[in-house]
Amino acid sequence: MSFALTADEPRLSLPRRFVELLPGLALLFAIGFSGKLIEQTINGYGKAHHLALPNFEYVLWAIVIGLIIANTVRVPKIFTPGIATYEFFLKLGIVLLGARFLLGDVLKLGGISLIAVVLELTISIALMTWLGNAFKLTPKLTSLLAIGSSICGVSAIIAAKGAINAKDEDASFAIAAILALGAIGLFTFPLIGHALGLSDHAYGLWAGLAIDNTAEATAAGNLWSEQAGKIAVLAKTTRNATIGFVVLGYALYWATRGEARAIDNKAAFLWNKFPKFVLGFIVVSLTATLGVFSKEQASDIANLSRWAFLLTFAGVGLSTDFRAMRRQGLYPFIVGAAGEVGIALVTLGIVIAAQPWLPV
């Protein structure tokens, strides 16, 4: 979904734009808040009746409610613009979450994550490229799957599509495959993590490395625990920061083959593709490190991030349409599924190997 306007379209005034977004925003809030109420109701019932009920956080309920609505009834188009803002709230939530990370912690965790991210990027690109060639997918569809699986899913595919002059059909295939597999990962990763007895830190690092879309990686981390969610965000943000370099590499490759425009200003290209919310996260973390926020203020800012994520996770569910994914064809899903399983296993091995050096 995109808010981009063409030259012929009138630019809406702020009041009209807000009115256009309001129905979808209200739906996101209603679903997210319902998820929170379900969590609190189940926990309250368990405490009142002295029952040890499983603690499913609002993240799961918000996604499930959204999935049910999106895949059983047609959401009217009036809700579409507001629903599409969930990615904005995801980025806002990550920026605000920076208040919970002192810069020393970010650098410490980033060192471990950086090594893992380099390995993940290399293995993901190589594996997806090999699988795409083996199943005889078109070369640019293979490139989009490799880029999406190695960095940040849909955002990376969209960023790369124009840079390598890929067809709309190829981008749609790649996006559908990545979204479907990300949705499956949301529910399978916690089960596998618990079966293996992973720590909060190890599980969060694994989710941040192996799940492609930032929203789904954040959700998978928070399904485990708040601490795992923080680590997943940090690892995923580290991956996101590489998007400009990877897309630039593919753009240069296709340009040398005469199938993409030449890149004249590489620095401008990198800045254009770089995810700006990563800088916001670092700035807020630096501000917190310098003691600008009191303990209470840092806590309030972190609480605001939870409200932003409330809308985000509702949007993840509402934006996952399995019917549309089925129409995209079989081979991209086979390649995507095989690649994602391979990446998940390899990154899990990396995390387990690194576990002795990870904080408890």
Protein backbone atom coordinates (compact mmCIF):
# COMPACT_ATOMS: atom_id res chain seq x y z
CA MET A 1 0.00 0.00 0.00
CA SER A 2 1.28 3.45 -0.84
CA PHE A 3 0.29 7.02 -0.24
CA ALA A 4 2.32 8.32 -3.19
CA LEU A 5 0.54 10.86 -5.39
CA THR A 6 0.99 11.24 -9.10
CA ALA A 7 1.47 14.64 -10.67
CA ASP A 8 -2.19 14.68 -11.77
CA GLU A 9 -3.67 13.92 -8.34
CA PRO A 10 -4.71 16.79 -6.07
CA ARG A 11 -2.87 17.05 -2.77
CA LEU A 12 -5.31 16.69 0.13
CA SER A 13 -5.41 19.30 2.88
CA LEU A 14 -4.43 18.14 6.36
CA PRO A 15 -8.02 18.09 7.71
CA ARG A 16 -9.25 16.08 4.71
CA ARG A 17 -6.25 13.76 4.97
CA PHE A 18 -6.99 13.15 8.65
CA VAL A 19 -10.64 12.41 7.85
CA GLU A 20 -9.48 9.93 5.19
CA LEU A 21 -7.22 8.14 7.68
CA LEU A 22 -9.64 8.20 10.61
CA PRO A 23 -11.75 5.06 9.86
CA GLY A 24 -8.69 2.84 9.46
CA LEU A 25 -6.96 4.35 12.49
CA ALA A 26 -10.08 3.74 14.57
CA LEU A 27 -10.16 0.11 13.38
CA LEU A 28 -6.47 -0.39 14.23
CA PHE A 29 -7.03 1.04 17.71
CA ALA A 30 -10.18 -1.00 18.28
CA ILE A 31 -8.44 -4.26 17.32
CA GLY A 32 -5.26 -3.48 19.24
CA PHE A 33 -7.16 -2.41 22.36
CA SER A 34 -9.39 -5.50 22.10
CA GLY A 35 -6.23 -7.62 22.10
CA LYS A 36 -5.09 -5.85 25.26
CA LEU A 37 -8.48 -6.39 26.93
CA ILE A 38 -8.44 -10.10 26.05
CA GLU A 39 -4.97 -10.47 27.57
CA GLN A 40 -6.00 -8.66 30.76
CA THR A 41 -9.28 -10.58 31.02
CA ILE A 42 -7.60 -13.98 30.74
CA ASN A 43 -4.87 -13.01 33.23
CA GLY A 44 -7.46 -11.59 35.63
CA TYR A 45 -9.60 -14.72 35.40
CA GLY A 46 -6.61 -16.94 36.06
CA LYS A 47 -5.58 -14.95 39.15
CA ALA A 48 -9.13 -14.80 40.51
CA HIS A 49 -9.60 -18.54 40.18
CA HIS A 50 -5.98 -19.50 41.02
CA LEU A 51 -5.44 -21.03 37.59
CA ALA A 52 -2.07 -21.19 35.82
CA LEU A 53 -3.31 -20.06 32.42
CA PRO A 54 -0.83 -19.44 29.58
CA ASN A 55 0.04 -15.76 29.19
CA PHE A 56 -0.67 -14.82 25.57
CA GLU A 57 0.22 -11.16 25.20
CA TYR A 58 -1.89 -8.59 23.35
CA VAL A 59 0.49 -8.94 20.39
CA LEU A 60 -0.94 -12.37 19.52
CA TRP A 61 -4.57 -11.38 20.06
CA ALA A 62 -4.26 -8.21 17.96
CA ILE A 63 -2.71 -10.15 15.08
CA VAL A 64 -5.24 -12.99 15.31
CA ILE A 65 -8.22 -10.62 15.35
CA GLY A 66 -6.80 -8.76 12.36
CA LEU A 67 -6.13 -12.02 10.48
CA ILE A 68 -9.69 -13.25 11.09
CA ILE A 69 -11.21 -10.00 9.85
CA ALA A 70 -8.93 -9.77 6.79
CA ASN A 71 -9.50 -13.37 5.72
CA THR A 72 -13.22 -13.83 6.44
CA VAL A 73 -14.79 -10.51 5.46
CA ARG A 74 -13.81 -7.92 2.91
CA VAL A 75 -12.59 -4.83 4.73
CA PRO A 76 -14.27 -1.82 3.02
CA LYS A 77 -11.91 0.43 1.08
CA ILE A 78 -12.71 3.35 3.36
CA PHE A 79 -10.48 1.68 5.98
CA THR A 80 -7.51 1.07 3.65
CA PRO A 81 -5.61 4.40 4.02
CA GLY A 82 -5.72 4.27 7.82
CA ILE A 83 -4.75 0.60 7.99
CA ALA A 84 -1.71 1.33 5.82
CA THR A 85 -0.35 3.66 8.52
CA TYR A 86 0.64 0.66 10.65
CA GLU A 87 4.14 0.82 9.17
CA PHE A 88 4.44 4.43 10.37
CA PHE A 89 3.47 3.38 13.89
CA LEU A 90 5.97 0.52 13.71
CA LYS A 91 8.79 2.96 12.94
CA LEU A 92 7.55 5.43 15.57
CA GLY A 93 7.43 2.65 18.16
CA ILE A 94 11.00 1.59 17.36
CA VAL A 95 12.26 5.19 17.60
CA LEU A 96 10.55 5.67 20.99
CA LEU A 97 11.88 2.31 22.17
CA GLY A 98 15.36 3.83 21.92
CA ALA A 99 14.69 5.44 25.32
CA ARG A 100 15.03 1.96 26.87
CA PHE A 101 18.48 1.38 25.36
CA LEU A 102 21.54 3.13 26.74
CA LEU A 103 24.05 3.62 23.95
CA GLY A 104 26.60 1.35 25.68
CA ASP A 105 24.07 -1.47 25.63
CA VAL A 106 23.27 -0.79 21.97
CA LEU A 107 26.96 -0.93 21.03
CA LYS A 108 27.52 -4.07 23.08
CA LEU A 109 24.55 -5.85 21.59
CA GLY A 110 25.31 -4.41 18.17
CA GLY A 111 28.77 -6.00 18.11
CA ILE A 112 27.30 -9.46 18.52
CA SER A 113 24.44 -8.67 16.17
CA LEU A 114 26.75 -7.23 13.52
CA ILE A 115 28.72 -10.47 13.18
CA ALA A 116 25.47 -12.44 13.03
CA VAL A 117 23.95 -10.01 10.52
CA VAL A 118 26.95 -10.27 8.17
CA LEU A 119 26.67 -14.06 8.26
CA GLU A 120 22.88 -13.91 7.81
CA LEU A 121 23.14 -11.53 4.84
CA THR A 122 25.77 -13.61 3.07
CA ILE A 123 24.03 -16.94 3.61
CA SER A 124 20.54 -15.60 2.76
CA ILE A 125 21.60 -14.03 -0.53
CA ALA A 126 23.62 -17.10 -1.57
CA LEU A 127 20.89 -19.57 -0.62
CA MET A 128 17.99 -17.68 -2.25
CA THR A 129 20.03 -17.10 -5.41
CA TRP A 130 20.90 -20.80 -5.67
CA LEU A 131 17.28 -21.86 -5.07
CA GLY A 132 15.91 -19.34 -7.55
CA ASN A 133 18.29 -20.59 -10.23
CA ALA A 134 17.53 -24.22 -9.39
CA PHE A 135 13.76 -23.65 -9.82
CA LYS A 136 14.37 -21.52 -12.93
CA LEU A 137 12.69 -18.39 -11.58
CA THR A 138 13.28 -15.22 -13.55
CA PRO A 139 16.62 -13.62 -12.56
CA LYS A 140 15.05 -10.42 -11.21
CA LEU A 141 12.43 -12.30 -9.18
CA THR A 142 15.34 -14.29 -7.72
CA SER A 143 17.12 -11.02 -6.91
CA LEU A 144 14.02 -9.62 -5.17
CA LEU A 145 13.56 -12.78 -3.09
CA ALA A 146 17.23 -12.70 -2.09
CA ILE A 147 17.06 -9.02 -1.13
CA GLY A 148 13.76 -9.41 0.76
CA SER A 149 14.86 -12.47 2.74
CA SER A 150 18.27 -11.05 3.65
CA ILE A 151 17.27 -7.55 4.81
CA CYS A 152 13.77 -6.37 5.67
CA GLY A 153 11.16 -8.11 3.59
CA VAL A 154 8.60 -5.96 1.81
CA SER A 155 10.43 -2.65 2.36
CA ALA A 156 13.60 -4.03 0.78
CA ILE A 157 11.70 -5.48 -2.17
CA ILE A 158 9.96 -2.16 -2.82
CA ALA A 159 13.27 -0.28 -2.52
CA ALA A 160 14.97 -2.69 -4.92
CA LYS A 161 12.18 -2.93 -7.50
CA GLY A 162 12.83 0.48 -9.03
CA ALA A 163 16.59 0.24 -8.61
CA ILE A 164 16.86 -2.92 -10.72
CA ASN A 165 13.89 -2.21 -13.04
CA ALA A 166 12.02 -5.32 -11.93
CA LYS A 167 8.50 -6.00 -13.19
CA ASP A 168 5.46 -5.30 -10.98
CA GLU A 169 4.57 -8.98 -11.30
CA ASP A 170 7.97 -10.06 -9.93
CA ALA A 171 7.63 -7.67 -6.99
CA SER A 172 4.12 -8.96 -6.24
CA PHE A 173 5.32 -12.57 -6.29
CA ALA A 174 8.24 -11.78 -3.97
CA ILE A 175 6.13 -9.73 -1.56
CA ALA A 176 3.41 -12.39 -1.34
CA ALA A 177 5.96 -15.11 -0.61
CA ILE A 178 7.73 -13.05 2.07
CA LEU A 179 4.45 -12.02 3.77
CA ALA A 180 3.06 -15.56 3.88
CA LEU A 181 6.25 -16.99 5.34
CA GLY A 182 6.54 -14.16 7.86
CA ALA A 183 3.03 -14.84 9.11
CA ILE A 184 3.90 -18.52 9.60
CA GLY A 185 7.08 -17.57 11.44
CA LEU A 186 5.09 -15.49 13.92
CA PHE A 187 3.51 -18.60 15.36
CA THR A 188 6.22 -21.21 14.83
CA PHE A 189 9.22 -19.33 16.23
CA PRO A 190 7.94 -19.11 19.84
CA LEU A 191 7.06 -22.82 19.80
CA ILE A 192 10.53 -23.78 18.57
CA GLY A 193 12.22 -21.37 20.97
CA HIS A 194 10.40 -22.83 23.98
CA ALA A 195 11.10 -26.39 22.83
CA LEU A 196 14.84 -25.57 22.69
CA GLY A 197 14.81 -23.64 25.96
CA LEU A 198 16.26 -20.45 24.45
CA SER A 199 16.88 -17.48 26.73
CA ASP A 200 15.08 -14.16 26.15
CA HIS A 201 18.22 -12.72 24.59
CA ALA A 202 18.94 -15.71 22.35
CA TYR A 203 15.35 -15.98 21.13
CA GLY A 204 15.11 -12.23 20.45
CA LEU A 205 18.35 -12.31 18.47
CA TRP A 206 17.11 -15.29 16.45
CA ALA A 207 13.76 -13.62 15.66
CA GLY A 208 15.54 -10.41 14.62
CA LEU A 209 17.90 -12.32 12.34
CA ALA A 210 15.57 -14.83 10.73
CA ILE A 211 12.21 -13.07 10.28
CA ASP A 212 12.16 -10.68 7.36
CA ASN A 213 9.53 -7.98 7.91
CA THR A 214 10.29 -5.59 10.75
CA ALA A 215 6.70 -5.67 12.01
CA GLU A 216 6.62 -9.46 12.17
CA ALA A 217 10.09 -9.72 13.74
CA THR A 218 9.03 -7.20 16.40
CA ALA A 219 5.79 -9.07 17.00
CA ALA A 220 7.52 -12.45 17.24
CA GLY A 221 9.94 -11.05 19.80
CA ASN A 222 7.18 -9.51 21.90
CA LEU A 223 5.17 -12.74 21.77
CA TRP A 224 8.03 -14.24 23.79
CA SER A 225 8.72 -11.41 26.25
CA GLU A 226 9.33 -7.68 26.41
CA GLN A 227 13.09 -8.26 26.70
CA ALA A 228 13.10 -10.59 23.70
CA GLY A 229 11.11 -7.97 21.79
CA LYS A 230 13.78 -5.34 22.52
CA ILE A 231 16.57 -7.63 21.31
CA ALA A 232 14.61 -8.59 18.19
CA VAL A 233 14.15 -4.89 17.36
CA LEU A 234 17.87 -4.21 17.81
CA ALA A 235 18.97 -7.15 15.63
CA LYS A 236 16.36 -6.34 12.98
CA THR A 237 17.34 -2.66 12.99
CA THR A 238 20.95 -3.68 12.37
CA ARG A 239 19.81 -5.68 9.33
CA ASN A 240 17.65 -2.80 8.10
CA ALA A 241 20.64 -0.45 8.16
CA THR A 242 22.29 -2.47 5.38
CA ILE A 243 19.46 -1.98 2.88
CA GLY A 244 21.12 0.84 0.94
CA PHE A 245 24.36 -1.07 0.44
CA VAL A 246 22.70 -4.32 -0.67
CA VAL A 247 20.26 -2.60 -3.03
CA LEU A 248 23.11 -0.49 -4.44
CA GLY A 249 25.11 -3.66 -5.11
CA TYR A 250 22.22 -5.25 -7.01
CA ALA A 251 21.53 -2.01 -8.90
CA LEU A 252 25.15 -1.80 -10.04
CA TYR A 253 25.10 -5.47 -11.07
CA TRP A 254 22.00 -5.07 -13.24
CA ALA A 255 23.26 -1.74 -14.62
CA THR A 256 26.42 -3.47 -15.89
CA ARG A 257 24.15 -5.89 -17.73
CA GLY A 258 22.27 -3.01 -19.35
CA GLU A 259 19.03 -3.89 -17.51
CA ALA A 260 18.90 -1.04 -14.96
CA ARG A 261 19.74 2.65 -14.97
CA ALA A 262 23.28 3.66 -14.08
CA ILE A 263 23.89 5.04 -10.55
CA ASP A 264 25.65 8.39 -10.93
CA ASN A 265 25.67 9.53 -7.28
CA LYS A 266 26.21 6.52 -5.03
CA ALA A 267 26.19 8.57 -1.80
CA ALA A 268 22.81 10.11 -2.64
CA PHE A 269 21.48 6.67 -3.56
CA LEU A 270 22.57 5.23 -0.20
CA TRP A 271 21.02 8.12 1.74
CA ASN A 272 17.76 7.80 -0.18
CA LYS A 273 17.48 4.08 0.59
CA PHE A 274 18.72 4.27 4.20
CA PRO A 275 15.85 3.74 6.70
CA LYS A 276 15.63 7.05 8.59
CA PHE A 277 13.89 5.52 11.62
CA VAL A 278 17.19 3.75 12.41
CA LEU A 279 18.77 7.18 12.91
CA GLY A 280 15.81 8.19 15.09
CA PHE A 281 16.35 5.14 17.28
CA ILE A 282 20.05 6.00 17.70
CA VAL A 283 19.30 9.68 18.50
CA VAL A 284 16.75 8.77 21.19
CA SER A 285 19.14 6.17 22.63
CA LEU A 286 21.96 8.72 22.71
CA THR A 287 19.67 11.25 24.40
CA ALA A 288 18.76 8.69 27.07
CA THR A 289 22.44 7.80 27.54
CA LEU A 290 23.30 11.47 28.20
CA GLY A 291 20.73 11.52 31.00
CA VAL A 292 18.36 13.99 29.33
CA PHE A 293 15.38 11.83 30.37
CA SER A 294 14.58 11.04 33.98
CA LYS A 295 13.76 7.44 34.85
CA GLU A 296 10.05 8.29 34.85
CA GLN A 297 10.26 10.09 31.50
CA ALA A 298 12.13 7.18 29.90
CA SER A 299 9.42 4.85 31.19
CA ASP A 300 6.67 7.10 29.79
CA ILE A 301 8.37 7.23 26.38
CA ALA A 302 8.70 3.44 26.37
CA ASN A 303 4.98 3.16 27.22
CA LEU A 304 4.21 5.36 24.22
CA SER A 305 6.12 2.86 22.08
CA ARG A 306 3.79 0.11 23.33
CA TRP A 307 0.76 2.14 22.21
CA ALA A 308 2.36 2.56 18.80
CA PHE A 309 2.99 -1.19 18.60
CA LEU A 310 -0.66 -1.77 19.58
CA LEU A 311 -1.70 -0.24 16.24
CA THR A 312 1.19 -1.91 14.41
CA PHE A 313 0.27 -5.48 15.30
CA ALA A 314 -3.39 -4.92 14.46
CA GLY A 315 -2.22 -3.69 11.04
CA VAL A 316 -0.04 -6.76 10.53
CA GLY A 317 -3.09 -9.00 10.88
CA LEU A 318 -5.34 -6.82 8.71
CA SER A 319 -2.72 -6.61 5.95
CA THR A 320 -2.19 -10.39 5.68
CA ASP A 321 -4.60 -11.65 3.02
CA PHE A 322 -4.03 -15.35 2.37
CA ARG A 323 -6.49 -15.35 -0.55
CA ALA A 324 -4.39 -12.83 -2.46
CA MET A 325 -1.23 -14.81 -1.71
CA ARG A 326 -2.69 -18.01 -3.18
CA ARG A 327 -3.21 -16.24 -6.49
CA GLN A 328 0.50 -15.42 -6.88
CA GLY A 329 1.60 -18.89 -7.96
CA LEU A 330 3.46 -21.84 -6.42
CA TYR A 331 7.15 -21.65 -7.31
CA PRO A 332 7.97 -18.39 -5.48
CA PHE A 333 6.47 -19.93 -2.34
CA ILE A 334 8.47 -23.13 -2.76
CA VAL A 335 11.70 -21.18 -3.21
CA GLY A 336 10.76 -18.74 -0.42
CA ALA A 337 9.74 -21.51 1.98
CA ALA A 338 12.86 -23.58 1.35
CA GLY A 339 15.05 -20.51 1.68
CA GLU A 340 13.36 -19.25 4.84
CA VAL A 341 13.58 -22.66 6.51
CA GLY A 342 17.26 -22.83 5.61
CA ILE A 343 17.89 -19.29 6.89
CA ALA A 344 15.96 -19.99 10.11
CA LEU A 345 18.02 -23.12 10.77
CA VAL A 346 21.35 -21.46 9.98
CA THR A 347 20.62 -18.39 12.12
CA LEU A 348 19.40 -20.63 14.92
CA GLY A 349 22.73 -22.42 14.75
CA ILE A 350 24.54 -19.07 14.88
CA VAL A 351 22.55 -17.99 17.92
CA ILE A 352 23.11 -21.27 19.76
CA ALA A 353 26.83 -21.08 19.01
CA ALA A 354 26.95 -17.49 20.28
CA GLN A 355 24.82 -18.21 23.37
CA PRO A 356 27.81 -18.55 25.78
CA TRP A 357 28.71 -14.89 24.99
CA LEU A 358 25.14 -13.57 25.19
CA PRO A 359 23.80 -11.87 28.34
CA VAL A 360 21.45 -14.08 30.36
